[in-house]
Amino acid sequence: MQRLLAIFIFILSSVFANAQLNQPCVDLTIADSFFQCNDPSFLPVCGCDNKTYRNECTAFRNGGVTQIQYDGVCVNDYFYATIYPTLAQDAVSLYLQFYDKGPVLIQIRSTFGLTVFSQYYPTVDSRQFTFDAGGYQPGVYFMVIQSGNVGKVIKFVKM
């Protein structure tokens, strides 16, 4: 009887240990896309879902990831970019980080397709760019970030 109880406890403990080790990468019960992290830092992390997040808070709270693979941009994303603020009065900052290094073309375009800013940088790994939006007319603008065959478009509003 004691032997049978010991075998049962061993099997039960190995099942619980296996469940702990095979934790899902994304837990949708903790993911909340509307949660506002109080941490504005730009410290990209690669989540276990192979997506790059602005920082650990956005990975855990917005993305619902349960583990961080490593600090930095995921290799499959090539680069990660975000802007702040998205409702701008005087200036807009672009935060950009590459997985490695790369050339980048940054453009700002109006909703009518007019390019109001364009600059090519031959090699960038991580950098913050600040753009003076004081002379822009109020409206919606698109920041276009292009490196090789990878591009990203982020919109902001000039108030």
Protein backbone atom coordinates (compact mmCIF):
# COMPACT_ATOMS: atom_id res chain seq x y z
CA MET A 1 0.00 0.00 0.00
CA GLN A 2 2.82 2.43 0.86
CA ARG A 3 4.56 1.56 -2.37
CA LEU A 4 1.39 2.25 -4.35
CA LEU A 5 0.96 5.59 -2.54
CA ALA A 6 4.60 6.51 -3.29
CA ILE A 7 4.13 5.69 -6.99
CA PHE A 8 0.93 7.76 -7.08
CA ILE A 9 2.66 10.76 -5.45
CA PHE A 10 5.59 10.46 -7.86
CA ILE A 11 3.31 10.40 -10.91
CA LEU A 12 1.22 13.29 -9.58
CA SER A 13 4.29 15.43 -8.82
CA SER A 14 5.80 14.76 -12.26
CA VAL A 15 2.51 15.80 -13.91
CA PHE A 16 2.52 19.09 -11.96
CA ALA A 17 6.22 19.67 -12.72
CA ASN A 18 5.60 19.04 -16.41
CA ALA A 19 2.68 21.48 -16.39
CA GLN A 20 4.94 24.13 -14.82
CA LEU A 21 7.68 23.56 -17.42
CA ASN A 22 5.28 23.58 -20.38
CA GLN A 23 3.74 26.92 -19.54
CA PRO A 24 2.18 28.49 -22.65
CA CYS A 25 4.12 31.32 -24.24
CA VAL A 26 1.14 33.69 -24.37
CA ASP A 27 -1.48 33.80 -21.64
CA LEU A 28 -4.52 35.58 -23.07
CA THR A 29 -6.02 35.92 -19.57
CA ILE A 30 -3.31 38.46 -18.67
CA ALA A 31 -3.08 40.21 -22.06
CA ASP A 32 -4.75 43.63 -22.03
CA SER A 33 -4.11 45.80 -25.08
CA PHE A 34 -5.61 48.81 -23.27
CA PHE A 35 -3.32 48.59 -20.22
CA GLN A 36 -1.05 51.64 -20.00
CA CYS A 37 2.39 50.80 -18.65
CA ASN A 38 3.84 53.53 -16.45
CA ASP A 39 7.29 52.64 -17.80
CA PRO A 40 7.95 54.80 -20.89
CA SER A 41 11.49 53.44 -21.35
CA PHE A 42 12.56 52.20 -24.76
CA LEU A 43 14.33 48.94 -23.90
CA PRO A 44 13.10 46.47 -26.56
CA VAL A 45 12.75 42.82 -25.61
CA CYS A 46 12.08 39.71 -27.66
CA GLY A 47 9.14 37.77 -26.25
CA CYS A 48 8.77 34.00 -26.36
CA ASP A 49 6.27 34.58 -29.22
CA ASN A 50 9.13 35.99 -31.36
CA LYS A 51 7.65 39.50 -31.32
CA THR A 52 9.54 42.59 -30.25
CA TYR A 53 8.01 44.75 -27.53
CA ARG A 54 8.96 48.27 -26.39
CA ASN A 55 9.92 46.99 -22.92
CA GLU A 56 9.14 44.18 -20.47
CA CYS A 57 5.96 45.84 -19.19
CA THR A 58 4.36 46.00 -22.63
CA ALA A 59 5.46 42.42 -23.35
CA PHE A 60 3.88 41.02 -20.18
CA ARG A 61 0.84 43.30 -19.81
CA ASN A 62 -0.11 44.13 -23.42
CA GLY A 63 1.22 41.07 -25.21
CA GLY A 64 0.49 38.55 -22.47
CA VAL A 65 3.83 36.79 -22.96
CA THR A 66 4.96 34.65 -20.06
CA GLN A 67 8.70 34.73 -20.83
CA ILE A 68 11.26 37.04 -22.40
CA GLN A 69 13.73 35.28 -24.74
CA TYR A 70 16.34 38.05 -24.65
CA ASP A 71 16.84 41.81 -24.45
CA GLY A 72 16.76 43.52 -27.82
CA VAL A 73 14.95 43.18 -31.12
CA CYS A 74 13.83 39.74 -32.30
CA VAL A 75 15.90 38.52 -35.24
CA ASN A 76 12.80 38.05 -37.44
CA ASP A 77 11.67 41.67 -36.86
CA TYR A 78 14.99 43.13 -38.14
CA PHE A 79 14.23 46.46 -36.43
CA TYR A 80 11.75 47.95 -33.98
CA ALA A 81 10.48 51.51 -34.10
CA THR A 82 8.03 53.59 -32.10
CA ILE A 83 7.28 57.30 -31.81
CA TYR A 84 6.35 59.55 -28.93
CA PRO A 85 4.11 61.46 -28.60
CA THR A 86 1.52 60.40 -31.13
CA LEU A 87 -0.36 63.67 -30.48
CA ALA A 88 2.40 66.20 -31.13
CA GLN A 89 2.58 69.93 -30.77
CA ASP A 90 6.24 70.86 -31.20
CA ALA A 91 8.35 67.74 -31.62
CA VAL A 92 8.11 64.02 -32.32
CA SER A 93 10.72 61.49 -31.21
CA LEU A 94 11.42 58.30 -33.13
CA TYR A 95 12.98 55.48 -31.13
CA LEU A 96 14.68 52.96 -33.39
CA GLN A 97 16.67 49.82 -32.65
CA PHE A 98 17.97 47.17 -35.04
CA TYR A 99 18.63 43.51 -34.30
CA ASP A 100 22.12 44.16 -35.64
CA LYS A 101 22.92 47.26 -37.71
CA GLY A 102 21.45 48.54 -40.88
CA PRO A 103 20.85 51.46 -43.19
CA VAL A 104 17.61 53.34 -42.77
CA LEU A 105 15.55 55.84 -44.72
CA ILE A 106 13.23 57.95 -42.57
CA GLN A 107 10.47 60.00 -44.15
CA ILE A 108 7.56 62.01 -42.82
CA ARG A 109 4.61 62.32 -45.18
CA SER A 110 1.33 64.19 -45.00
CA THR A 111 -2.01 62.49 -45.62
CA PHE A 112 -1.81 63.87 -49.16
CA GLY A 113 1.47 62.01 -49.81
CA LEU A 114 3.65 65.12 -49.61
CA THR A 115 7.09 64.29 -48.17
CA VAL A 116 7.89 66.92 -45.54
CA PHE A 117 11.07 65.23 -44.27
CA SER A 118 13.44 62.66 -45.79
CA GLN A 119 16.84 61.53 -44.52
CA TYR A 120 18.98 58.47 -45.23
CA TYR A 121 21.34 57.10 -42.56
CA PRO A 122 23.92 54.56 -43.87
CA THR A 123 24.27 52.61 -40.61
CA VAL A 124 22.24 52.64 -37.40
CA ASP A 125 22.01 50.18 -34.52
CA SER A 126 20.02 52.06 -31.88
CA ARG A 127 19.11 55.71 -31.83
CA GLN A 128 16.59 58.34 -30.85
CA PHE A 129 15.70 60.90 -33.52
CA THR A 130 13.81 64.07 -32.65
CA PHE A 131 11.93 65.93 -35.37
CA ASP A 132 10.72 69.51 -35.11
CA ALA A 133 7.03 69.42 -36.01
CA GLY A 134 6.43 73.05 -35.08
CA GLY A 135 6.24 74.16 -38.72
CA TYR A 136 3.86 71.38 -39.81
CA GLN A 137 0.21 72.18 -40.47
CA PRO A 138 -2.26 70.51 -38.07
CA GLY A 139 -3.29 67.08 -39.34
CA VAL A 140 -2.29 63.44 -39.64
CA TYR A 141 1.25 62.52 -40.69
CA PHE A 142 2.94 59.21 -41.42
CA MET A 143 6.48 58.40 -40.39
CA VAL A 144 7.85 55.87 -42.88
CA ILE A 145 10.87 53.85 -41.76
CA GLN A 146 12.49 51.73 -44.49
CA SER A 147 15.53 49.49 -44.24
CA GLY A 148 16.25 47.04 -47.03
CA ASN A 149 12.98 45.32 -47.83
CA VAL A 150 11.54 45.90 -44.33
CA GLY A 151 9.32 48.90 -43.73
CA LYS A 152 7.13 50.30 -41.02
CA VAL A 153 4.62 53.15 -41.02
CA ILE A 154 3.65 54.93 -37.80
CA LYS A 155 1.10 57.73 -37.77
CA PHE A 156 1.02 60.78 -35.54
CA VAL A 157 -1.20 63.82 -35.30
CA LYS A 158 0.16 67.37 -35.33
CA MET A 159 -2.15 69.45 -33.15
